[in-house]
Amino acid sequence: MEGSGTNTRDFVSFFLFWLCSLPAIWFPVHKIRHLFTVKAYFVPFAGLAFFIWAIVRAHGIGPIVKQRGTLTGSAHAWQVIKGIMSSIANFATLVVNDPDFARFARKPRDAFWSQLFTIPIGFAVTSFIGIIVSSSSIVIYGQPIWSPLDLLTRFLDEGGSAQRFGVFIIATAFALAQLGTNIAANSVSAGTDMTALLPKYLNIRRGGYICALVGLVMCPWNLLSTTNNFTTYLSAYSVFLSSIAGVIICDYYWVRKGYLQTRDLYSAKRDGPYFYTFGVHWRGYAAYIAGILINVVGFAGAVGNSVPAGATYIYNLNFFCGFIVSSSVYFILCRFFPIPATSDTWLEVGDDVRNLSVAYDNSDSYEEPVMTQQFAKDAEVLDLEAGDTMKGNF
């Protein structure tokens, strides 16, 4: 369809990939971990091969990095800032859904140290390879090709069995990487959120399939129709996720100071500390909306409307602005309207957890648990991921 950003070939390819992704959603995360193990070995080597191939085609890295820039002064500086914001937006979803996977760690420090190095190094190397590969297209073809997949298509059009084999291997790596991203950043996180919203009717598996359906009907190929559409989408992502991250981080580190009443987190009793006001934590919603509003005018400008220059500058810093505003508003609201289950000093339970009790008797008392279970040593024992233990099977 004209103007849709896709064609018959690309749409059929997308639909087949979407269809092949459905079986992967069925399995609990700890049972599909072998897919991520294969991905961890195969994809980096394929990316490195693509990187070397592009450099060889461009006759060395020198002609690529020596290309002169076209912007100077403040225009250049703001483009750098936009690039930083786009990079943050790229992993903003991982910031807010990190607990979906970090909860499988045996101790908090197990998740902390691994991510401290892998996230910045991994994203830096991946971004560097993407920049060099895309920039090489100017040297090779005389025009910028921002999508690595489009560049692979140009390589394929040149023919030759070696070219076809190389493109096949690299394209397979792209498909495997995207499959892992869909599961990790989309299906599991959406399923977890939906499980928390309607635990009686949904588990992580069902939520993952709902996410897959939404991903189809939203026509995502429109986002890739132009470079501007894609970067605008990433920026809009930050508008919403930055506000969520601001509330979450402020709540844990500054309001509660790491203190959580673990058993009460699993309780829906009206007198529980996490039931709030009729089951709604209105302070969090108010702070979330405030973080969005600071960027909404600039977002209107990003999609083509005329807005004041100041709003554009704020929007160029969308993640930081949304994060700071939402966290500040949340902190202030919690000062004026205090919430229960907080600490005056840093009091994170952390590694001291040995026994976890999440059950109560039929009384309203919070003092006498009727069941105590040894805290699981690994995710396979606890097996809360698929909701099978606490919510029933699919």
Protein backbone atom coordinates (compact mmCIF):
# COMPACT_ATOMS: atom_id res chain seq x y z
CA MET A 1 0.00 0.00 0.00
CA GLU A 2 1.38 3.37 -1.04
CA GLY A 3 2.57 5.50 1.85
CA SER A 4 2.49 2.62 4.33
CA GLY A 5 6.26 2.33 4.49
CA THR A 6 6.25 -1.30 3.36
CA ASN A 7 5.62 -3.53 0.35
CA THR A 8 4.37 -7.07 -0.21
CA ARG A 9 7.78 -8.67 0.27
CA ASP A 10 8.56 -6.81 3.49
CA PHE A 11 5.06 -7.27 4.91
CA VAL A 12 5.08 -11.02 4.27
CA SER A 13 8.52 -11.23 5.89
CA PHE A 14 7.26 -9.29 8.90
CA PHE A 15 4.17 -11.46 9.24
CA LEU A 16 6.19 -14.69 9.04
CA PHE A 17 8.60 -13.42 11.68
CA TRP A 18 5.68 -12.39 13.89
CA LEU A 19 4.13 -15.83 13.43
CA CYS A 20 7.38 -17.63 14.27
CA SER A 21 7.74 -15.52 17.42
CA LEU A 22 4.50 -16.84 18.93
CA PRO A 23 5.82 -20.26 20.03
CA ALA A 24 8.70 -18.58 21.89
CA ILE A 25 6.23 -16.65 24.06
CA TRP A 26 4.72 -19.89 25.34
CA PHE A 27 7.75 -20.96 27.37
CA PRO A 28 8.69 -19.47 30.75
CA VAL A 29 11.78 -17.27 30.68
CA HIS A 30 14.03 -19.71 32.52
CA LYS A 31 13.15 -22.46 30.02
CA ILE A 32 13.96 -20.37 26.96
CA ARG A 33 17.28 -19.11 28.33
CA HIS A 34 19.15 -21.35 25.88
CA LEU A 35 17.87 -19.17 23.05
CA PHE A 36 19.58 -16.19 24.68
CA THR A 37 22.74 -18.24 25.13
CA VAL A 38 22.86 -18.97 21.39
CA LYS A 39 22.07 -15.33 20.68
CA ALA A 40 24.89 -14.17 22.97
CA TYR A 41 27.45 -16.13 20.95
CA PHE A 42 26.12 -15.91 17.41
CA VAL A 43 24.93 -12.29 17.10
CA PRO A 44 28.14 -10.53 18.23
CA PHE A 45 30.26 -12.50 15.76
CA ALA A 46 27.81 -11.76 12.94
CA GLY A 47 27.84 -8.07 13.88
CA LEU A 48 31.62 -8.05 13.87
CA ALA A 49 31.64 -9.74 10.45
CA PHE A 50 29.25 -7.08 9.09
CA PHE A 51 31.48 -4.37 10.55
CA ILE A 52 34.61 -5.79 8.88
CA TRP A 53 32.78 -6.38 5.60
CA ALA A 54 31.61 -2.76 5.42
CA ILE A 55 35.11 -1.45 6.19
CA VAL A 56 36.66 -3.64 3.50
CA ARG A 57 34.07 -2.46 0.98
CA ALA A 58 34.88 1.15 1.91
CA HIS A 59 38.64 0.46 1.52
CA GLY A 60 39.46 0.96 5.17
CA ILE A 61 38.05 2.84 8.10
CA GLY A 62 39.94 6.01 7.19
CA PRO A 63 37.59 7.23 4.42
CA ILE A 64 34.65 6.62 6.76
CA VAL A 65 35.80 8.55 9.82
CA LYS A 66 37.36 11.36 7.80
CA GLN A 67 34.07 12.45 6.27
CA ARG A 68 33.48 16.10 7.06
CA GLY A 69 30.50 17.16 9.12
CA THR A 70 27.87 19.53 7.73
CA LEU A 71 26.83 21.19 11.00
CA THR A 72 28.65 23.67 13.21
CA GLY A 73 28.05 25.64 16.40
CA SER A 74 24.86 25.24 18.40
CA ALA A 75 23.17 23.24 15.62
CA HIS A 76 25.91 20.64 15.90
CA ALA A 77 25.68 20.61 19.71
CA TRP A 78 21.92 20.07 19.69
CA GLN A 79 22.28 17.23 17.21
CA VAL A 80 24.76 15.59 19.57
CA ILE A 81 22.24 15.97 22.41
CA LYS A 82 19.48 14.51 20.24
CA GLY A 83 21.73 11.56 19.49
CA ILE A 84 22.32 11.01 23.20
CA MET A 85 18.57 11.16 23.88
CA SER A 86 17.91 8.66 21.09
CA SER A 87 20.51 6.33 22.57
CA ILE A 88 18.91 6.61 26.00
CA ALA A 89 15.50 5.98 24.46
CA ASN A 90 16.88 2.83 22.89
CA PHE A 91 17.37 1.21 26.29
CA ALA A 92 14.78 3.20 28.27
CA THR A 93 12.49 0.19 28.22
CA LEU A 94 15.22 -1.86 29.90
CA VAL A 95 15.41 0.71 32.68
CA VAL A 96 11.79 0.18 33.69
CA ASN A 97 11.42 -3.55 33.00
CA ASP A 98 14.75 -4.57 34.48
CA PRO A 99 13.06 -6.10 37.58
CA ASP A 100 11.29 -8.58 35.31
CA PHE A 101 14.66 -10.31 34.93
CA ALA A 102 16.74 -9.05 37.84
CA ARG A 103 14.34 -10.80 40.22
CA PHE A 104 15.79 -14.12 39.06
CA ALA A 105 19.14 -13.16 40.59
CA ARG A 106 20.01 -14.86 43.84
CA LYS A 107 21.28 -11.64 45.40
CA PRO A 108 20.96 -7.95 44.40
CA ARG A 109 24.67 -7.64 43.72
CA ASP A 110 24.48 -10.48 41.18
CA ALA A 111 22.28 -8.32 38.97
CA PHE A 112 24.12 -5.09 39.74
CA TRP A 113 27.65 -5.99 38.72
CA SER A 114 26.72 -7.84 35.55
CA GLN A 115 24.63 -4.94 34.26
CA LEU A 116 27.13 -2.29 35.37
CA PHE A 117 29.52 -3.46 32.67
CA THR A 118 27.44 -5.23 30.03
CA ILE A 119 24.87 -2.46 29.43
CA PRO A 120 27.22 0.50 28.77
CA ILE A 121 29.83 -1.59 26.97
CA GLY A 122 27.29 -3.53 24.94
CA PHE A 123 25.35 -0.48 23.82
CA ALA A 124 28.52 1.49 23.08
CA VAL A 125 30.01 -1.24 20.89
CA THR A 126 26.70 -1.88 19.11
CA SER A 127 26.17 1.82 18.44
CA PHE A 128 29.74 2.21 17.17
CA ILE A 129 29.33 -0.67 14.74
CA GLY A 130 26.00 0.74 13.53
CA ILE A 131 27.46 4.21 12.97
CA ILE A 132 30.49 2.94 11.06
CA VAL A 133 28.49 0.50 8.95
CA SER A 134 25.88 3.12 8.04
CA SER A 135 28.54 5.76 7.35
CA SER A 136 30.40 3.37 5.07
CA SER A 137 27.44 3.51 2.66
CA ILE A 138 28.38 7.09 1.76
CA VAL A 139 31.85 5.96 0.74
CA ILE A 140 30.62 2.84 -1.08
CA TYR A 141 27.46 4.12 -2.79
CA GLY A 142 27.72 7.89 -2.50
CA GLN A 143 24.56 8.18 -0.43
CA PRO A 144 23.69 7.56 3.23
CA ILE A 145 21.84 4.32 3.98
CA TRP A 146 20.76 4.59 7.62
CA SER A 147 19.25 1.10 7.91
CA PRO A 148 21.74 -1.80 8.07
CA LEU A 149 19.08 -4.04 6.49
CA ASP A 150 18.84 -1.75 3.48
CA LEU A 151 22.61 -1.83 3.21
CA LEU A 152 22.53 -5.63 3.24
CA THR A 153 19.99 -5.47 0.43
CA ARG A 154 22.40 -3.39 -1.63
CA PHE A 155 25.12 -5.96 -0.98
CA LEU A 156 22.73 -8.72 -2.05
CA ASP A 157 21.75 -6.94 -5.26
CA GLU A 158 25.35 -7.08 -6.41
CA GLY A 159 25.03 -10.87 -6.75
CA GLY A 160 27.55 -13.64 -6.19
CA SER A 161 27.31 -16.77 -4.04
CA ALA A 162 29.68 -15.36 -1.41
CA GLN A 163 27.59 -12.20 -1.14
CA ARG A 164 24.39 -14.20 -0.74
CA PHE A 165 25.89 -16.44 1.94
CA GLY A 166 27.26 -13.50 3.91
CA VAL A 167 23.95 -11.65 3.75
CA PHE A 168 22.10 -14.80 4.83
CA ILE A 169 24.28 -15.28 7.93
CA ILE A 170 24.07 -11.64 8.99
CA ALA A 171 20.33 -11.43 8.29
CA THR A 172 19.82 -14.57 10.40
CA ALA A 173 21.69 -12.86 13.22
CA PHE A 174 19.42 -9.82 12.90
CA ALA A 175 16.34 -12.05 13.08
CA LEU A 176 17.67 -13.91 16.13
CA ALA A 177 18.58 -10.65 17.86
CA GLN A 178 15.13 -9.22 17.17
CA LEU A 179 13.46 -12.37 18.46
CA GLY A 180 15.38 -12.09 21.72
CA THR A 181 14.53 -8.41 21.99
CA ASN A 182 10.83 -9.10 21.42
CA ILE A 183 10.81 -11.64 24.22
CA ALA A 184 12.98 -9.74 26.69
CA ALA A 185 11.87 -6.15 26.13
CA ASN A 186 8.29 -6.65 24.97
CA SER A 187 6.52 -9.92 25.72
CA VAL A 188 7.82 -10.60 29.23
CA SER A 189 7.56 -6.99 30.41
CA ALA A 190 4.05 -6.55 29.03
CA GLY A 191 2.99 -9.89 30.48
CA THR A 192 4.38 -8.99 33.89
CA ASP A 193 2.56 -5.65 33.96
CA MET A 194 -0.72 -7.20 32.84
CA THR A 195 -0.36 -9.93 35.45
CA ALA A 196 -0.06 -7.28 38.16
CA LEU A 197 -3.09 -5.47 36.75
CA LEU A 198 -5.44 -8.47 36.46
CA PRO A 199 -3.81 -11.39 38.30
CA LYS A 200 -7.06 -13.35 38.42
CA TYR A 201 -7.36 -13.55 34.65
CA LEU A 202 -3.88 -13.02 33.24
CA ASN A 203 -0.47 -14.55 33.64
CA ILE A 204 2.78 -13.65 31.90
CA ARG A 205 2.13 -16.03 29.02
CA ARG A 206 -1.32 -14.61 28.25
CA GLY A 207 -0.03 -11.06 28.59
CA GLY A 208 2.75 -11.87 26.13
CA TYR A 209 0.25 -13.02 23.51
CA ILE A 210 -1.86 -9.89 24.03
CA CYS A 211 1.30 -7.86 23.48
CA ALA A 212 2.00 -9.77 20.26
CA LEU A 213 -1.51 -8.99 19.00
CA VAL A 214 -1.13 -5.30 19.81
CA GLY A 215 2.24 -5.31 18.05
CA LEU A 216 0.54 -6.48 14.87
CA VAL A 217 -2.51 -4.20 14.83
CA MET A 218 -0.47 -1.04 15.56
CA CYS A 219 1.11 -1.32 12.07
CA PRO A 220 4.74 -0.96 13.24
CA TRP A 221 6.10 -0.84 9.69
CA ASN A 222 4.99 2.78 9.54
CA LEU A 223 7.63 3.61 12.13
CA LEU A 224 10.38 2.52 9.76
CA SER A 225 9.06 4.27 6.67
CA THR A 226 11.50 7.16 7.18
CA THR A 227 14.44 7.97 9.42
CA ASN A 228 12.48 10.85 10.95
CA ASN A 229 9.55 8.62 11.88
CA PHE A 230 11.87 6.19 13.65
CA THR A 231 13.77 8.81 15.66
CA THR A 232 10.50 10.59 16.53
CA TYR A 233 9.13 7.30 17.81
CA LEU A 234 12.20 6.73 19.97
CA SER A 235 11.89 10.24 21.41
CA ALA A 236 8.20 9.69 22.17
CA TYR A 237 9.19 6.48 23.93
CA SER A 238 11.34 8.52 26.31
CA VAL A 239 8.50 10.90 27.09
CA PHE A 240 6.50 8.13 28.73
CA LEU A 241 9.22 5.85 30.06
CA SER A 242 11.25 8.62 31.68
CA SER A 243 8.26 9.53 33.86
CA ILE A 244 7.82 5.91 34.92
CA ALA A 245 11.52 5.56 35.73
CA GLY A 246 11.46 8.79 37.74
CA VAL A 247 8.61 7.59 39.95
CA ILE A 248 10.07 4.10 40.43
CA ILE A 249 13.56 5.26 41.34
CA CYS A 250 12.37 8.09 43.58
CA ASP A 251 9.99 5.76 45.40
CA TYR A 252 12.62 3.12 46.14
CA TYR A 253 15.75 5.18 46.80
CA TRP A 254 14.49 8.48 48.21
CA VAL A 255 11.02 7.89 49.67
CA ARG A 256 11.24 4.33 51.02
CA LYS A 257 15.04 4.26 51.24
CA GLY A 258 15.14 0.65 50.13
CA TYR A 259 12.63 -0.60 52.68
CA LEU A 260 9.93 -3.01 51.51
CA GLN A 261 7.55 -5.20 53.49
CA THR A 262 7.99 -8.18 51.23
CA ARG A 263 5.01 -10.23 52.34
CA ASP A 264 2.64 -7.28 52.03
CA LEU A 265 3.62 -6.85 48.39
CA TYR A 266 1.61 -10.00 47.67
CA SER A 267 -1.43 -8.94 49.69
CA ALA A 268 -4.59 -7.30 48.36
CA LYS A 269 -5.99 -6.54 51.82
CA ARG A 270 -7.54 -3.11 52.08
CA ASP A 271 -5.60 -2.30 55.25
CA GLY A 272 -2.29 -3.29 53.66
CA PRO A 273 0.45 -0.66 53.23
CA TYR A 274 0.40 -0.99 49.44
CA PHE A 275 -3.35 -0.74 48.91
CA TYR A 276 -3.17 3.07 49.03
CA THR A 277 -6.43 4.91 48.20
CA PHE A 278 -9.06 2.46 46.94
CA GLY A 279 -6.23 0.43 45.45
CA VAL A 280 -4.80 3.38 43.49
CA HIS A 281 -1.53 5.14 44.29
CA TRP A 282 -2.64 8.57 43.07
CA ARG A 283 0.69 10.22 43.94
CA GLY A 284 2.46 8.03 41.41
CA TYR A 285 -0.09 8.78 38.70
CA ALA A 286 0.06 12.53 39.38
CA ALA A 287 3.88 12.52 39.16
CA TYR A 288 3.77 10.39 36.01
CA ILE A 289 1.41 12.81 34.27
CA ALA A 290 3.51 15.80 35.38
CA GLY A 291 6.59 14.21 33.81
CA ILE A 292 4.73 13.77 30.52
CA LEU A 293 3.28 17.29 30.47
CA ILE A 294 6.72 18.92 30.56
CA ASN A 295 7.48 17.29 27.19
CA VAL A 296 4.09 17.19 25.51
CA VAL A 297 4.35 20.59 23.81
CA GLY A 298 7.78 19.77 22.39
CA PHE A 299 6.48 16.41 21.20
CA ALA A 300 3.76 18.24 19.26
CA GLY A 301 6.54 20.19 17.56
CA ALA A 302 8.45 16.99 16.76
CA VAL A 303 5.50 15.67 14.74
CA GLY A 304 5.28 18.81 12.64
CA ASN A 305 3.32 21.43 14.60
CA SER A 306 4.53 24.96 15.31
CA VAL A 307 5.60 25.34 18.95
CA PRO A 308 7.77 27.82 20.92
CA ALA A 309 11.52 27.33 20.69
CA GLY A 310 11.75 26.80 24.44
CA ALA A 311 9.44 23.80 24.25
CA THR A 312 11.63 22.33 21.53
CA TYR A 313 14.76 22.73 23.65
CA ILE A 314 13.04 21.03 26.59
CA TYR A 315 11.89 18.20 24.35
CA ASN A 316 15.44 17.74 23.08
CA LEU A 317 16.27 16.81 26.69
CA ASN A 318 13.08 14.77 27.03
CA PHE A 319 14.33 11.86 29.12
CA PHE A 320 16.13 14.00 31.68
CA CYS A 321 13.28 16.53 31.89
CA GLY A 322 10.62 13.86 32.31
CA PHE A 323 12.70 11.97 34.87
CA ILE A 324 13.53 15.03 36.98
CA VAL A 325 9.99 16.43 36.95
CA SER A 326 8.25 13.15 37.74
CA SER A 327 10.66 12.19 40.52
CA SER A 328 10.54 15.68 42.05
CA VAL A 329 6.75 15.84 41.99
CA TYR A 330 6.49 12.36 43.48
CA PHE A 331 8.92 13.21 46.28
CA ILE A 332 7.05 16.41 47.14
CA LEU A 333 3.64 14.68 47.12
CA CYS A 334 4.95 11.96 49.41
CA ARG A 335 6.20 14.63 51.80
CA PHE A 336 2.85 16.38 51.99
CA PHE A 337 0.81 13.16 51.79
CA PRO A 338 2.98 10.50 53.49
CA ILE A 339 2.72 6.87 52.49
CA PRO A 340 3.12 3.84 54.80
CA ALA A 341 5.96 1.31 54.83
CA THR A 342 8.87 3.76 54.59
CA SER A 343 12.11 4.18 56.50
CA ASP A 344 13.95 7.24 57.81
CA THR A 345 17.31 5.62 57.07
CA TRP A 346 18.57 3.31 54.34
CA LEU A 347 17.09 -0.10 55.14
CA GLU A 348 17.29 -2.36 52.11
CA VAL A 349 16.52 -5.99 52.87
CA GLY A 350 18.80 -7.21 50.09
CA ASP A 351 21.08 -10.13 50.82
CA ASP A 352 19.64 -10.64 54.31
CA VAL A 353 16.54 -12.40 52.95
CA ARG A 354 16.58 -16.05 53.98
CA ASN A 355 12.94 -17.06 54.45
CA LEU A 356 10.06 -15.65 52.46
CA SER A 357 6.49 -15.81 53.74
CA VAL A 358 3.73 -14.54 51.49
CA ALA A 359 0.65 -16.28 52.94
CA TYR A 360 -1.80 -15.33 55.72
CA ASP A 361 -4.57 -17.08 57.55
CA ASN A 362 -8.20 -16.07 57.23
CA SER A 363 -7.94 -13.39 59.88
CA ASP A 364 -7.02 -9.79 59.20
CA SER A 365 -3.85 -10.10 61.25
CA TYR A 366 -0.51 -9.43 59.65
CA GLU A 367 1.34 -11.08 62.51
CA GLU A 368 0.83 -14.81 62.05
CA PRO A 369 1.83 -16.42 58.79
CA VAL A 370 0.54 -19.91 58.19
CA MET A 371 3.18 -20.91 55.68
CA THR A 372 6.89 -20.27 55.41
CA GLN A 373 8.94 -21.43 52.46
CA GLN A 374 12.68 -21.45 52.08
CA PHE A 375 13.72 -18.63 49.82
CA ALA A 376 14.45 -20.17 46.42
CA LYS A 377 18.02 -20.58 45.41
CA ASP A 378 17.28 -20.06 41.77
CA ALA A 379 14.45 -19.10 39.45
CA GLU A 380 13.59 -22.67 38.49
CA VAL A 381 12.71 -23.53 42.10
CA LEU A 382 10.67 -20.43 42.76
CA ASP A 383 9.07 -20.52 39.26
CA LEU A 384 6.97 -17.42 39.70
CA GLU A 385 7.84 -16.23 36.20
CA ALA A 386 4.99 -17.77 34.25
CA GLY A 387 2.46 -17.15 36.95
CA ASP A 388 1.92 -20.91 37.17
CA THR A 389 2.54 -21.09 40.89
CA MET A 390 0.43 -18.16 42.01
CA LYS A 391 -2.14 -17.71 39.28
CA GLY A 392 -2.71 -21.11 37.72
CA ASN A 393 -1.69 -22.57 34.43
CA PHE A 394 -2.55 -21.11 31.07
